[in-house]
Amino acid sequence: MPPRIEGRESGAEGIRRILRKEIEKALDAVDSARSPTDEGIHDARKRLKRARAALRLIQEALGDREYRRENRILRNAARPLSEIRDTKILIDIFDDMNGNTREKDRRGI
């Protein structure tokens, strides 16, 4: 179930609470082990995207300067995760190509 603003809190308070929760869950996703899993990296990236979306919802309440600062922090936190994901994909592609080449060599193709 998606996070919701509770009746006792203002919209900005609810969004801030949701924002904090998404950031905490992103940290948990990559901090669950010494080497995070592919699923953990993916989950953390999704949660940071959600956090940035929530941040956009309260941009006016934060003010332009604070919004830009917080958005930059979240964006910069997600960058290494994207690099890890991209590197993993490149390695998988290389391994697939290398495996296919070896198989073709064995068959004489």
C-alpha atoms as a PDB file:
ATOM      1  CA  MET A   1       0.000   0.000   0.000  1.00  0.00           C
ATOM      2  CA  PRO A   2       1.458   3.391  -0.942  1.00  0.00           C
ATOM      3  CA  PRO A   3       2.298   5.799   1.852  1.00  0.00           C
ATOM      4  CA  ARG A   4      -0.488   8.209   2.726  1.00  0.00           C
ATOM      5  CA  ILE A   5      -0.792  11.500   4.530  1.00  0.00           C
ATOM      6  CA  GLU A   6      -2.460  10.898   7.856  1.00  0.00           C
ATOM      7  CA  GLY A   7      -5.458  12.929   8.991  1.00  0.00           C
ATOM      8  CA  ARG A   8      -3.687  14.635  11.885  1.00  0.00           C
ATOM      9  CA  GLU A   9      -0.798  16.040   9.835  1.00  0.00           C
ATOM     10  CA  SER A  10      -0.568  18.801   7.275  1.00  0.00           C
ATOM     11  CA  GLY A  11       0.266  17.945   3.695  1.00  0.00           C
ATOM     12  CA  ALA A  12       3.835  19.218   4.041  1.00  0.00           C
ATOM     13  CA  GLU A  13       4.328  17.262   7.285  1.00  0.00           C
ATOM     14  CA  GLY A  14       2.996  14.098   5.679  1.00  0.00           C
ATOM     15  CA  ILE A  15       5.215  14.483   2.636  1.00  0.00           C
ATOM     16  CA  ARG A  16       8.238  15.100   4.880  1.00  0.00           C
ATOM     17  CA  ARG A  17       7.417  11.939   6.856  1.00  0.00           C
ATOM     18  CA  ILE A  18       7.059   9.929   3.642  1.00  0.00           C
ATOM     19  CA  LEU A  19      10.294  11.431   2.309  1.00  0.00           C
ATOM     20  CA  ARG A  20      12.198  10.404   5.440  1.00  0.00           C
ATOM     21  CA  LYS A  21      10.732   6.893   5.307  1.00  0.00           C
ATOM     22  CA  GLU A  22      11.723   6.414   1.646  1.00  0.00           C
ATOM     23  CA  ILE A  23      15.278   7.566   2.388  1.00  0.00           C
ATOM     24  CA  GLU A  24      15.515   5.205   5.377  1.00  0.00           C
ATOM     25  CA  LYS A  25      14.272   2.296   3.267  1.00  0.00           C
ATOM     26  CA  ALA A  26      16.746   3.168   0.503  1.00  0.00           C
ATOM     27  CA  LEU A  27      19.567   3.055   3.040  1.00  0.00           C
ATOM     28  CA  ASP A  28      18.301  -0.253   4.399  1.00  0.00           C
ATOM     29  CA  ALA A  29      18.185  -1.711   0.883  1.00  0.00           C
ATOM     30  CA  VAL A  30      21.878  -1.105   0.268  1.00  0.00           C
ATOM     31  CA  ASP A  31      23.060  -1.508   3.860  1.00  0.00           C
ATOM     32  CA  SER A  32      21.572  -4.963   4.388  1.00  0.00           C
ATOM     33  CA  ALA A  33      24.900  -6.617   3.598  1.00  0.00           C
ATOM     34  CA  ARG A  34      28.475  -5.698   2.854  1.00  0.00           C
ATOM     35  CA  SER A  35      27.796  -6.164  -0.852  1.00  0.00           C
ATOM     36  CA  PRO A  36      24.273  -5.119  -1.774  1.00  0.00           C
ATOM     37  CA  THR A  37      22.262  -7.349  -4.063  1.00  0.00           C
ATOM     38  CA  ASP A  38      20.989  -6.351  -7.486  1.00  0.00           C
ATOM     39  CA  GLU A  39      17.520  -6.199  -5.972  1.00  0.00           C
ATOM     40  CA  GLY A  40      18.773  -3.988  -3.148  1.00  0.00           C
ATOM     41  CA  ILE A  41      20.382  -1.559  -5.597  1.00  0.00           C
ATOM     42  CA  HIS A  42      17.213  -1.494  -7.687  1.00  0.00           C
ATOM     43  CA  ASP A  43      15.028  -0.944  -4.622  1.00  0.00           C
ATOM     44  CA  ALA A  44      17.253   1.849  -3.325  1.00  0.00           C
ATOM     45  CA  ARG A  45      17.181   3.626  -6.702  1.00  0.00           C
ATOM     46  CA  LYS A  46      13.377   3.394  -6.825  1.00  0.00           C
ATOM     47  CA  ARG A  47      13.049   4.729  -3.298  1.00  0.00           C
ATOM     48  CA  LEU A  48      15.361   7.656  -3.990  1.00  0.00           C
ATOM     49  CA  LYS A  49      13.283   8.465  -7.076  1.00  0.00           C
ATOM     50  CA  ARG A  50      10.164   8.394  -4.905  1.00  0.00           C
ATOM     51  CA  ALA A  51      11.878  10.616  -2.361  1.00  0.00           C
ATOM     52  CA  ARG A  52      12.735  13.155  -5.053  1.00  0.00           C
ATOM     53  CA  ALA A  53       9.133  13.057  -6.277  1.00  0.00           C
ATOM     54  CA  ALA A  54       7.902  13.698  -2.737  1.00  0.00           C
ATOM     55  CA  LEU A  55      10.390  16.526  -2.425  1.00  0.00           C
ATOM     56  CA  ARG A  56       8.936  18.134  -5.554  1.00  0.00           C
ATOM     57  CA  LEU A  57       5.515  18.086  -3.900  1.00  0.00           C
ATOM     58  CA  ILE A  58       6.752  20.284  -1.067  1.00  0.00           C
ATOM     59  CA  GLN A  59       9.043  22.454  -3.170  1.00  0.00           C
ATOM     60  CA  GLU A  60       6.964  25.573  -2.570  1.00  0.00           C
ATOM     61  CA  ALA A  61       6.827  24.993   1.197  1.00  0.00           C
ATOM     62  CA  LEU A  62      10.593  24.456   1.344  1.00  0.00           C
ATOM     63  CA  GLY A  63      11.545  27.385  -0.794  1.00  0.00           C
ATOM     64  CA  ASP A  64      13.629  27.269  -3.917  1.00  0.00           C
ATOM     65  CA  ARG A  65      17.050  27.317  -2.251  1.00  0.00           C
ATOM     66  CA  GLU A  66      16.345  24.496   0.225  1.00  0.00           C
ATOM     67  CA  TYR A  67      14.556  22.440  -2.430  1.00  0.00           C
ATOM     68  CA  ARG A  68      17.542  22.655  -4.794  1.00  0.00           C
ATOM     69  CA  ARG A  69      19.938  21.689  -2.006  1.00  0.00           C
ATOM     70  CA  GLU A  70      17.886  18.670  -0.889  1.00  0.00           C
ATOM     71  CA  ASN A  71      17.216  17.578  -4.467  1.00  0.00           C
ATOM     72  CA  ARG A  72      20.930  17.771  -5.245  1.00  0.00           C
ATOM     73  CA  ILE A  73      21.724  15.637  -2.187  1.00  0.00           C
ATOM     74  CA  LEU A  74      19.233  12.943  -3.210  1.00  0.00           C
ATOM     75  CA  ARG A  75      20.369  13.033  -6.852  1.00  0.00           C
ATOM     76  CA  ASN A  76      24.018  12.700  -5.824  1.00  0.00           C
ATOM     77  CA  ALA A  77      23.159   9.836  -3.464  1.00  0.00           C
ATOM     78  CA  ALA A  78      21.532   7.936  -6.344  1.00  0.00           C
ATOM     79  CA  ARG A  79      24.379   8.435  -8.840  1.00  0.00           C
ATOM     80  CA  PRO A  80      26.721   5.746  -7.474  1.00  0.00           C
ATOM     81  CA  LEU A  81      23.815   3.291  -7.469  1.00  0.00           C
ATOM     82  CA  SER A  82      23.249   3.998 -11.164  1.00  0.00           C
ATOM     83  CA  GLU A  83      26.943   3.479 -11.834  1.00  0.00           C
ATOM     84  CA  ILE A  84      26.868   0.139 -10.005  1.00  0.00           C
ATOM     85  CA  ARG A  85      23.796  -0.937 -11.967  1.00  0.00           C
ATOM     86  CA  ASP A  86      25.325   0.163 -15.291  1.00  0.00           C
ATOM     87  CA  THR A  87      28.592  -1.641 -14.526  1.00  0.00           C
ATOM     88  CA  LYS A  88      26.719  -4.808 -13.609  1.00  0.00           C
ATOM     89  CA  ILE A  89      24.790  -4.693 -16.885  1.00  0.00           C
ATOM     90  CA  LEU A  90      27.999  -4.210 -18.887  1.00  0.00           C
ATOM     91  CA  ILE A  91      29.630  -7.154 -17.116  1.00  0.00           C
ATOM     92  CA  ASP A  92      26.565  -9.330 -17.770  1.00  0.00           C
ATOM     93  CA  ILE A  93      26.579  -8.372 -21.462  1.00  0.00           C
ATOM     94  CA  PHE A  94      30.310  -9.074 -21.713  1.00  0.00           C
ATOM     95  CA  ASP A  95      29.877 -12.442 -20.005  1.00  0.00           C
ATOM     96  CA  ASP A  96      26.999 -13.327 -22.333  1.00  0.00           C
ATOM     97  CA  MET A  97      28.993 -12.340 -25.397  1.00  0.00           C
ATOM     98  CA  ASN A  98      32.074 -14.155 -24.161  1.00  0.00           C
ATOM     99  CA  GLY A  99      30.067 -17.269 -23.364  1.00  0.00           C
ATOM    100  CA  ASN A 100      28.373 -17.235 -26.747  1.00  0.00           C
ATOM    101  CA  THR A 101      31.721 -16.785 -28.507  1.00  0.00           C
ATOM    102  CA  ARG A 102      33.269 -19.723 -26.659  1.00  0.00           C
ATOM    103  CA  GLU A 103      30.293 -21.922 -27.454  1.00  0.00           C
ATOM    104  CA  LYS A 104      30.508 -20.993 -31.147  1.00  0.00           C
ATOM    105  CA  ASP A 105      34.254 -21.723 -31.150  1.00  0.00           C
ATOM    106  CA  ARG A 106      33.635 -25.199 -29.728  1.00  0.00           C
ATOM    107  CA  ARG A 107      31.074 -25.958 -32.423  1.00  0.00           C
ATOM    108  CA  GLY A 108      33.392 -24.704 -35.154  1.00  0.00           C
ATOM    109  CA  ILE A 109      31.115 -21.856 -36.210  1.00  0.00           C
END
